[in-house]
Amino acid sequence: MPICALCERAAPNLTEHHLIPRSQGRRRGTRVPDLPTAALCGPCHKFLHRTFSNAELAQDYSTVDTLLRHEDVRRFVAWIRKQPASRSVRVR
């Protein structure tokens, strides 16, 4: 079973999180073809996009390590690791 890059839980379905959001990966009308990504479980992916703007993700949190340094992310990851991957989690 695949492992979430943020919470490290085994999850049946992972989503592709662009560490530099596609909307931020443009330079004067051209797209950067290979933006870095991380495979995340649904709750972690939703949490990031509800917590940070795309500009914040691109500027300050463009790696899994920098995301894990943020206090809110650390708290969420500590909590979500205790939840079974099969449980439906509502992210606020």
PDB file of N, CA and C in Angstrom:
ATOM      1  N   MET A   1       0.847  -1.180   0.000  1.00  0.00           N
ATOM      2  CA  MET A   1       0.000   0.000   0.000  1.00  0.00           C
ATOM      3  C   MET A   1       0.893   1.243   0.000  1.00  0.00           C
ATOM      4  N   PRO A   2       0.553   2.261  -0.787  1.00  0.00           N
ATOM      5  CA  PRO A   2       1.368   3.479  -0.843  1.00  0.00           C
ATOM      6  C   PRO A   2       1.378   4.242   0.486  1.00  0.00           C
ATOM      7  N   ILE A   3       2.440   4.995   0.695  1.00  0.00           N
ATOM      8  CA  ILE A   3       2.642   5.742   1.936  1.00  0.00           C
ATOM      9  C   ILE A   3       2.550   7.243   1.662  1.00  0.00           C
ATOM     10  N   CYS A   4       1.806   7.968   2.510  1.00  0.00           N
ATOM     11  CA  CYS A   4       1.689   9.426   2.407  1.00  0.00           C
ATOM     12  C   CYS A   4       3.036  10.059   2.772  1.00  0.00           C
ATOM     13  N   ALA A   5       3.493  10.989   1.959  1.00  0.00           N
ATOM     14  CA  ALA A   5       4.786  11.639   2.191  1.00  0.00           C
ATOM     15  C   ALA A   5       4.768  12.559   3.410  1.00  0.00           C
ATOM     16  N   LEU A   6       3.585  12.972   3.863  1.00  0.00           N
ATOM     17  CA  LEU A   6       3.510  13.903   4.993  1.00  0.00           C
ATOM     18  C   LEU A   6       3.288  13.160   6.313  1.00  0.00           C
ATOM     19  N   CYS A   7       2.230  12.366   6.389  1.00  0.00           N
ATOM     20  CA  CYS A   7       1.915  11.697   7.654  1.00  0.00           C
ATOM     21  C   CYS A   7       2.506  10.291   7.751  1.00  0.00           C
ATOM     22  N   GLU A   8       3.003   9.768   6.633  1.00  0.00           N
ATOM     23  CA  GLU A   8       3.634   8.453   6.569  1.00  0.00           C
ATOM     24  C   GLU A   8       2.686   7.304   6.899  1.00  0.00           C
ATOM     25  N   ARG A   9       1.381   7.529   6.694  1.00  0.00           N
ATOM     26  CA  ARG A   9       0.418   6.443   6.864  1.00  0.00           C
ATOM     27  C   ARG A   9       0.263   5.708   5.542  1.00  0.00           C
ATOM     28  N   ALA A  10       0.018   4.408   5.620  1.00  0.00           N
ATOM     29  CA  ALA A  10      -0.318   3.650   4.422  1.00  0.00           C
ATOM     30  C   ALA A  10      -1.764   3.986   4.083  1.00  0.00           C
ATOM     31  N   ALA A  11      -2.004   4.398   2.847  1.00  0.00           N
ATOM     32  CA  ALA A  11      -3.347   4.792   2.423  1.00  0.00           C
ATOM     33  C   ALA A  11      -3.652   4.155   1.077  1.00  0.00           C
ATOM     34  N   PRO A  12      -4.887   3.726   0.879  1.00  0.00           N
ATOM     35  CA  PRO A  12      -5.216   3.057  -0.384  1.00  0.00           C
ATOM     36  C   PRO A  12      -5.128   3.988  -1.596  1.00  0.00           C
ATOM     37  N   ASN A  13      -5.444   5.244  -1.411  1.00  0.00           N
ATOM     38  CA  ASN A  13      -5.413   6.204  -2.524  1.00  0.00           C
ATOM     39  C   ASN A  13      -4.643   7.450  -2.114  1.00  0.00           C
ATOM     40  N   LEU A  14      -3.640   7.788  -2.890  1.00  0.00           N
ATOM     41  CA  LEU A  14      -2.893   9.013  -2.644  1.00  0.00           C
ATOM     42  C   LEU A  14      -3.174   9.995  -3.772  1.00  0.00           C
ATOM     43  N   THR A  15      -3.039  11.268  -3.463  1.00  0.00           N
ATOM     44  CA  THR A  15      -3.216  12.311  -4.470  1.00  0.00           C
ATOM     45  C   THR A  15      -1.879  12.988  -4.720  1.00  0.00           C
ATOM     46  N   GLU A  16      -1.744  13.574  -5.886  1.00  0.00           N
ATOM     47  CA  GLU A  16      -0.497  14.252  -6.244  1.00  0.00           C
ATOM     48  C   GLU A  16      -0.594  15.719  -5.835  1.00  0.00           C
ATOM     49  N   HIS A  17       0.240  16.108  -4.879  1.00  0.00           N
ATOM     50  CA  HIS A  17       0.291  17.494  -4.417  1.00  0.00           C
ATOM     51  C   HIS A  17       1.473  18.174  -5.096  1.00  0.00           C
ATOM     52  N   HIS A  18       1.199  19.237  -5.819  1.00  0.00           N
ATOM     53  CA  HIS A  18       2.283  20.012  -6.431  1.00  0.00           C
ATOM     54  C   HIS A  18       2.899  20.897  -5.347  1.00  0.00           C
ATOM     55  N   LEU A  19       4.137  20.622  -5.006  1.00  0.00           N
ATOM     56  CA  LEU A  19       4.809  21.382  -3.951  1.00  0.00           C
ATOM     57  C   LEU A  19       4.917  22.858  -4.328  1.00  0.00           C
ATOM     58  N   ILE A  20       5.081  23.133  -5.595  1.00  0.00           N
ATOM     59  CA  ILE A  20       4.944  24.491  -6.124  1.00  0.00           C
ATOM     60  C   ILE A  20       3.659  24.450  -6.951  1.00  0.00           C
ATOM     61  N   PRO A  21       2.577  25.064  -6.461  1.00  0.00           N
ATOM     62  CA  PRO A  21       1.299  24.966  -7.164  1.00  0.00           C
ATOM     63  C   PRO A  21       1.416  25.344  -8.637  1.00  0.00           C
ATOM     64  N   ARG A  22       0.662  24.649  -9.456  1.00  0.00           N
ATOM     65  CA  ARG A  22       0.724  24.896 -10.900  1.00  0.00           C
ATOM     66  C   ARG A  22       0.433  26.353 -11.223  1.00  0.00           C
ATOM     67  N   SER A  23      -0.455  26.981 -10.473  1.00  0.00           N
ATOM     68  CA  SER A  23      -0.775  28.388 -10.733  1.00  0.00           C
ATOM     69  C   SER A  23       0.413  29.303 -10.430  1.00  0.00           C
ATOM     70  N   GLN A  24       1.342  28.833  -9.617  1.00  0.00           N
ATOM     71  CA  GLN A  24       2.515  29.633  -9.243  1.00  0.00           C
ATOM     72  C   GLN A  24       3.754  29.245 -10.042  1.00  0.00           C
ATOM     73  N   GLY A  25       3.671  28.190 -10.828  1.00  0.00           N
ATOM     74  CA  GLY A  25       4.842  27.685 -11.548  1.00  0.00           C
ATOM     75  C   GLY A  25       5.008  28.265 -12.931  1.00  0.00           C
ATOM     76  N   ARG A  26       4.478  29.432 -13.147  1.00  0.00           N
ATOM     77  CA  ARG A  26       4.577  30.075 -14.468  1.00  0.00           C
ATOM     78  C   ARG A  26       5.591  31.211 -14.420  1.00  0.00           C
ATOM     79  N   ARG A  27       6.230  31.406 -15.530  1.00  0.00           N
ATOM     80  CA  ARG A  27       7.153  32.541 -15.654  1.00  0.00           C
ATOM     81  C   ARG A  27       6.814  33.254 -16.957  1.00  0.00           C
ATOM     82  N   ARG A  28       6.232  34.407 -16.839  1.00  0.00           N
ATOM     83  CA  ARG A  28       5.902  35.240 -18.008  1.00  0.00           C
ATOM     84  C   ARG A  28       5.201  34.464 -19.117  1.00  0.00           C
ATOM     85  N   GLY A  29       4.106  33.808 -18.759  1.00  0.00           N
ATOM     86  CA  GLY A  29       3.289  33.140 -19.763  1.00  0.00           C
ATOM     87  C   GLY A  29       3.708  31.734 -20.137  1.00  0.00           C
ATOM     88  N   THR A  30       4.840  31.253 -19.665  1.00  0.00           N
ATOM     89  CA  THR A  30       5.252  29.883 -19.984  1.00  0.00           C
ATOM     90  C   THR A  30       5.093  29.020 -18.741  1.00  0.00           C
ATOM     91  N   ARG A  31       4.814  27.785 -18.961  1.00  0.00           N
ATOM     92  CA  ARG A  31       4.666  26.848 -17.842  1.00  0.00           C
ATOM     93  C   ARG A  31       5.974  26.097 -17.618  1.00  0.00           C
ATOM     94  N   VAL A  32       6.293  25.894 -16.378  1.00  0.00           N
ATOM     95  CA  VAL A  32       7.437  25.061 -16.026  1.00  0.00           C
ATOM     96  C   VAL A  32       6.928  23.622 -16.060  1.00  0.00           C
ATOM     97  N   PRO A  33       7.464  22.769 -16.929  1.00  0.00           N
ATOM     98  CA  PRO A  33       6.859  21.452 -17.150  1.00  0.00           C
ATOM     99  C   PRO A  33       6.950  20.482 -15.984  1.00  0.00           C
ATOM    100  N   ASP A  34       8.027  20.458 -15.246  1.00  0.00           N
ATOM    101  CA  ASP A  34       8.220  19.438 -14.221  1.00  0.00           C
ATOM    102  C   ASP A  34       8.257  20.045 -12.826  1.00  0.00           C
ATOM    103  N   LEU A  35       7.104  20.428 -12.324  1.00  0.00           N
ATOM    104  CA  LEU A  35       7.030  20.944 -10.965  1.00  0.00           C
ATOM    105  C   LEU A  35       7.136  19.771  -9.991  1.00  0.00           C
ATOM    106  N   PRO A  36       7.826  19.952  -8.861  1.00  0.00           N
ATOM    107  CA  PRO A  36       7.966  18.855  -7.899  1.00  0.00           C
ATOM    108  C   PRO A  36       6.617  18.510  -7.260  1.00  0.00           C
ATOM    109  N   THR A  37       6.411  17.229  -7.011  1.00  0.00           N
ATOM    110  CA  THR A  37       5.172  16.763  -6.398  1.00  0.00           C
ATOM    111  C   THR A  37       5.478  15.829  -5.229  1.00  0.00           C
ATOM    112  N   ALA A  38       4.459  15.613  -4.410  1.00  0.00           N
ATOM    113  CA  ALA A  38       4.530  14.647  -3.314  1.00  0.00           C
ATOM    114  C   ALA A  38       3.212  13.892  -3.292  1.00  0.00           C
ATOM    115  N   ALA A  39       3.268  12.600  -3.019  1.00  0.00           N
ATOM    116  CA  ALA A  39       2.065  11.780  -2.923  1.00  0.00           C
ATOM    117  C   ALA A  39       1.510  11.900  -1.505  1.00  0.00           C
ATOM    118  N   LEU A  40       0.285  12.431  -1.398  1.00  0.00           N
ATOM    119  CA  LEU A  40      -0.328  12.669  -0.094  1.00  0.00           C
ATOM    120  C   LEU A  40      -1.680  11.978   0.008  1.00  0.00           C
ATOM    121  N   CYS A  41      -2.031  11.590   1.236  1.00  0.00           N
ATOM    122  CA  CYS A  41      -3.378  11.077   1.473  1.00  0.00           C
ATOM    123  C   CYS A  41      -4.348  12.260   1.377  1.00  0.00           C
ATOM    124  N   GLY A  42      -5.602  11.960   1.184  1.00  0.00           N
ATOM    125  CA  GLY A  42      -6.611  13.006   1.024  1.00  0.00           C
ATOM    126  C   GLY A  42      -6.660  14.003   2.172  1.00  0.00           C
ATOM    127  N   PRO A  43      -6.710  13.547   3.439  1.00  0.00           N
ATOM    128  CA  PRO A  43      -6.777  14.503   4.541  1.00  0.00           C
ATOM    129  C   PRO A  43      -5.568  15.444   4.609  1.00  0.00           C
ATOM    130  N   CYS A  44      -4.370  14.936   4.381  1.00  0.00           N
ATOM    131  CA  CYS A  44      -3.177  15.808   4.414  1.00  0.00           C
ATOM    132  C   CYS A  44      -3.236  16.823   3.278  1.00  0.00           C
ATOM    133  N   HIS A  45      -3.637  16.372   2.099  1.00  0.00           N
ATOM    134  CA  HIS A  45      -3.712  17.263   0.943  1.00  0.00           C
ATOM    135  C   HIS A  45      -4.735  18.369   1.189  1.00  0.00           C
ATOM    136  N   LYS A  46      -5.912  18.004   1.686  1.00  0.00           N
ATOM    137  CA  LYS A  46      -6.942  19.002   1.982  1.00  0.00           C
ATOM    138  C   LYS A  46      -6.479  19.974   3.052  1.00  0.00           C
ATOM    139  N   PHE A  47      -5.825  19.443   4.081  1.00  0.00           N
ATOM    140  CA  PHE A  47      -5.344  20.308   5.163  1.00  0.00           C
ATOM    141  C   PHE A  47      -4.396  21.375   4.635  1.00  0.00           C
ATOM    142  N   LEU A  48      -3.463  20.987   3.789  1.00  0.00           N
ATOM    143  CA  LEU A  48      -2.496  21.963   3.257  1.00  0.00           C
ATOM    144  C   LEU A  48      -3.188  23.075   2.484  1.00  0.00           C
ATOM    145  N   HIS A  49      -4.157  22.707   1.649  1.00  0.00           N
ATOM    146  CA  HIS A  49      -4.813  23.721   0.824  1.00  0.00           C
ATOM    147  C   HIS A  49      -5.815  24.561   1.609  1.00  0.00           C
ATOM    148  N   ARG A  50      -6.242  24.087   2.762  1.00  0.00           N
ATOM    149  CA  ARG A  50      -7.109  24.903   3.613  1.00  0.00           C
ATOM    150  C   ARG A  50      -6.288  25.776   4.564  1.00  0.00           C
ATOM    151  N   THR A  51      -5.036  25.432   4.738  1.00  0.00           N
ATOM    152  CA  THR A  51      -4.172  26.162   5.670  1.00  0.00           C
ATOM    153  C   THR A  51      -3.345  27.236   4.978  1.00  0.00           C
ATOM    154  N   PHE A  52      -2.875  26.957   3.765  1.00  0.00           N
ATOM    155  CA  PHE A  52      -1.958  27.864   3.071  1.00  0.00           C
ATOM    156  C   PHE A  52      -2.536  28.309   1.729  1.00  0.00           C
ATOM    157  N   SER A  53      -2.200  29.519   1.337  1.00  0.00           N
ATOM    158  CA  SER A  53      -2.542  29.970  -0.009  1.00  0.00           C
ATOM    159  C   SER A  53      -1.532  29.350  -0.981  1.00  0.00           C
ATOM    160  N   ASN A  54      -1.861  29.381  -2.273  1.00  0.00           N
ATOM    161  CA  ASN A  54      -0.917  28.868  -3.268  1.00  0.00           C
ATOM    162  C   ASN A  54       0.380  29.666  -3.252  1.00  0.00           C
ATOM    163  N   ALA A  55       0.289  30.964  -3.022  1.00  0.00           N
ATOM    164  CA  ALA A  55       1.498  31.792  -2.963  1.00  0.00           C
ATOM    165  C   ALA A  55       2.370  31.378  -1.772  1.00  0.00           C
ATOM    166  N   GLU A  56       1.762  31.114  -0.621  1.00  0.00           N
ATOM    167  CA  GLU A  56       2.523  30.674   0.556  1.00  0.00           C
ATOM    168  C   GLU A  56       3.188  29.326   0.296  1.00  0.00           C
ATOM    169  N   LEU A  57       2.439  28.416  -0.324  1.00  0.00           N
ATOM    170  CA  LEU A  57       3.020  27.106  -0.629  1.00  0.00           C
ATOM    171  C   LEU A  57       4.216  27.246  -1.556  1.00  0.00           C
ATOM    172  N   ALA A  58       4.104  28.091  -2.571  1.00  0.00           N
ATOM    173  CA  ALA A  58       5.196  28.264  -3.533  1.00  0.00           C
ATOM    174  C   ALA A  58       6.403  28.944  -2.906  1.00  0.00           C
ATOM    175  N   GLN A  59       6.182  29.960  -2.096  1.00  0.00           N
ATOM    176  CA  GLN A  59       7.292  30.744  -1.545  1.00  0.00           C
ATOM    177  C   GLN A  59       7.944  30.097  -0.332  1.00  0.00           C
ATOM    178  N   ASP A  60       7.125  29.626   0.607  1.00  0.00           N
ATOM    179  CA  ASP A  60       7.657  29.227   1.909  1.00  0.00           C
ATOM    180  C   ASP A  60       7.614  27.730   2.196  1.00  0.00           C
ATOM    181  N   TYR A  61       6.770  26.980   1.500  1.00  0.00           N
ATOM    182  CA  TYR A  61       6.550  25.576   1.848  1.00  0.00           C
ATOM    183  C   TYR A  61       6.610  24.685   0.615  1.00  0.00           C
ATOM    184  N   SER A  62       7.683  24.764  -0.127  1.00  0.00           N
ATOM    185  CA  SER A  62       7.789  24.032  -1.388  1.00  0.00           C
ATOM    186  C   SER A  62       8.495  22.675  -1.257  1.00  0.00           C
ATOM    187  N   THR A  63       8.706  22.209  -0.032  1.00  0.00           N
ATOM    188  CA  THR A  63       9.239  20.862   0.201  1.00  0.00           C
ATOM    189  C   THR A  63       8.480  20.239   1.377  1.00  0.00           C
ATOM    190  N   VAL A  64       8.510  18.928   1.455  1.00  0.00           N
ATOM    191  CA  VAL A  64       7.863  18.247   2.572  1.00  0.00           C
ATOM    192  C   VAL A  64       8.535  18.662   3.880  1.00  0.00           C
ATOM    193  N   ASP A  65       9.852  18.822   3.874  1.00  0.00           N
ATOM    194  CA  ASP A  65      10.572  19.222   5.094  1.00  0.00           C
ATOM    195  C   ASP A  65      10.125  20.588   5.598  1.00  0.00           C
ATOM    196  N   THR A  66       9.976  21.559   4.692  1.00  0.00           N
ATOM    197  CA  THR A  66       9.545  22.894   5.150  1.00  0.00           C
ATOM    198  C   THR A  66       8.093  22.858   5.626  1.00  0.00           C
ATOM    199  N   LEU A  67       7.268  22.031   5.017  1.00  0.00           N
ATOM    200  CA  LEU A  67       5.891  21.890   5.505  1.00  0.00           C
ATOM    201  C   LEU A  67       5.891  21.341   6.929  1.00  0.00           C
ATOM    202  N   LEU A  68       6.721  20.336   7.183  1.00  0.00           N
ATOM    203  CA  LEU A  68       6.758  19.709   8.502  1.00  0.00           C
ATOM    204  C   LEU A  68       7.352  20.606   9.581  1.00  0.00           C
ATOM    205  N   ARG A  69       7.993  21.677   9.201  1.00  0.00           N
ATOM    206  CA  ARG A  69       8.526  22.629  10.192  1.00  0.00           C
ATOM    207  C   ARG A  69       7.448  23.571  10.720  1.00  0.00           C
ATOM    208  N   HIS A  70       6.329  23.668  10.006  1.00  0.00           N
ATOM    209  CA  HIS A  70       5.244  24.561  10.424  1.00  0.00           C
ATOM    210  C   HIS A  70       4.481  23.917  11.583  1.00  0.00           C
ATOM    211  N   GLU A  71       4.244  24.678  12.635  1.00  0.00           N
ATOM    212  CA  GLU A  71       3.620  24.148  13.852  1.00  0.00           C
ATOM    213  C   GLU A  71       2.243  23.533  13.593  1.00  0.00           C
ATOM    214  N   ASP A  72       1.409  24.193  12.801  1.00  0.00           N
ATOM    215  CA  ASP A  72       0.070  23.660  12.522  1.00  0.00           C
ATOM    216  C   ASP A  72       0.143  22.333  11.768  1.00  0.00           C
ATOM    217  N   VAL A  73       1.077  22.229  10.856  1.00  0.00           N
ATOM    218  CA  VAL A  73       1.245  20.979  10.091  1.00  0.00           C
ATOM    219  C   VAL A  73       1.722  19.880  11.032  1.00  0.00           C
ATOM    220  N   ARG A  74       2.687  20.188  11.888  1.00  0.00           N
ATOM    221  CA  ARG A  74       3.178  19.185  12.841  1.00  0.00           C
ATOM    222  C   ARG A  74       2.049  18.681  13.736  1.00  0.00           C
ATOM    223  N   ARG A  75       1.200  19.603  14.225  1.00  0.00           N
ATOM    224  CA  ARG A  75       0.079  19.207  15.079  1.00  0.00           C
ATOM    225  C   ARG A  75      -0.908  18.316  14.318  1.00  0.00           C
ATOM    226  N   PHE A  76      -1.222  18.715  13.076  1.00  0.00           N
ATOM    227  CA  PHE A  76      -2.150  17.921  12.273  1.00  0.00           C
ATOM    228  C   PHE A  76      -1.579  16.532  11.996  1.00  0.00           C
ATOM    229  N   VAL A  77      -0.322  16.469  11.613  1.00  0.00           N
ATOM    230  CA  VAL A  77       0.314  15.183  11.298  1.00  0.00           C
ATOM    231  C   VAL A  77       0.346  14.291  12.540  1.00  0.00           C
ATOM    232  N   ALA A  78       0.639  14.861  13.699  1.00  0.00           N
ATOM    233  CA  ALA A  78       0.652  14.065  14.935  1.00  0.00           C
ATOM    234  C   ALA A  78      -0.739  13.478  15.195  1.00  0.00           C
ATOM    235  N   TRP A  79      -1.787  14.247  14.917  1.00  0.00           N
ATOM    236  CA  TRP A  79      -3.149  13.765  15.121  1.00  0.00           C
ATOM    237  C   TRP A  79      -3.544  12.737  14.066  1.00  0.00           C
ATOM    238  N   ILE A  80      -3.303  13.038  12.805  1.00  0.00           N
ATOM    239  CA  ILE A  80      -3.767  12.163  11.720  1.00  0.00           C
ATOM    240  C   ILE A  80      -3.061  10.810  11.746  1.00  0.00           C
ATOM    241  N   ARG A  81      -1.832  10.776  12.237  1.00  0.00           N
ATOM    242  CA  ARG A  81      -1.108   9.497  12.324  1.00  0.00           C
ATOM    243  C   ARG A  81      -1.817   8.501  13.228  1.00  0.00           C
ATOM    244  N   LYS A  82      -2.619   9.009  14.166  1.00  0.00           N
ATOM    245  CA  LYS A  82      -3.346   8.141  15.091  1.00  0.00           C
ATOM    246  C   LYS A  82      -4.663   7.639  14.500  1.00  0.00           C
ATOM    247  N   GLN A  83      -5.059   8.189  13.347  1.00  0.00           N
ATOM    248  CA  GLN A  83      -6.334   7.827  12.719  1.00  0.00           C
ATOM    249  C   GLN A  83      -6.106   6.720  11.692  1.00  0.00           C
ATOM    250  N   PRO A  84      -7.018   5.751  11.630  1.00  0.00           N
ATOM    251  CA  PRO A  84      -6.884   4.724  10.592  1.00  0.00           C
ATOM    252  C   PRO A  84      -7.114   5.346   9.213  1.00  0.00           C
ATOM    253  N   ALA A  85      -6.370   4.888   8.229  1.00  0.00           N
ATOM    254  CA  ALA A  85      -6.481   5.444   6.875  1.00  0.00           C
ATOM    255  C   ALA A  85      -7.862   5.215   6.286  1.00  0.00           C
ATOM    256  N   SER A  86      -8.571   4.221   6.786  1.00  0.00           N
ATOM    257  CA  SER A  86      -9.909   3.922   6.273  1.00  0.00           C
ATOM    258  C   SER A  86     -10.967   4.880   6.828  1.00  0.00           C
ATOM    259  N   ARG A  87     -10.641   5.605   7.876  1.00  0.00           N
ATOM    260  CA  ARG A  87     -11.598   6.532   8.490  1.00  0.00           C
ATOM    261  C   ARG A  87     -11.759   7.776   7.649  1.00  0.00           C
ATOM    262  N   SER A  88     -12.985   8.201   7.481  1.00  0.00           N
ATOM    263  CA  SER A  88     -13.254   9.439   6.760  1.00  0.00           C
ATOM    264  C   SER A  88     -13.004  10.602   7.716  1.00  0.00           C
ATOM    265  N   VAL A  89     -12.118  11.516   7.328  1.00  0.00           N
ATOM    266  CA  VAL A  89     -11.728  12.616   8.185  1.00  0.00           C
ATOM    267  C   VAL A  89     -12.195  13.916   7.564  1.00  0.00           C
ATOM    268  N   ARG A  90     -12.825  14.747   8.356  1.00  0.00           N
ATOM    269  CA  ARG A  90     -13.268  16.058   7.874  1.00  0.00           C
ATOM    270  C   ARG A  90     -12.209  17.083   8.260  1.00  0.00           C
ATOM    271  N   VAL A  91     -11.708  17.798   7.276  1.00  0.00           N
ATOM    272  CA  VAL A  91     -10.651  18.784   7.501  1.00  0.00           C
ATOM    273  C   VAL A  91     -11.258  20.167   7.472  1.00  0.00           C
ATOM    274  N   ARG A  92     -10.951  20.970   8.501  1.00  0.00           N
ATOM    275  CA  ARG A  92     -11.474  22.340   8.567  1.00  0.00           C
ATOM    276  C   ARG A  92     -10.399  23.331   8.263  1.00  0.00           C
TER     277      ARG A  92
END
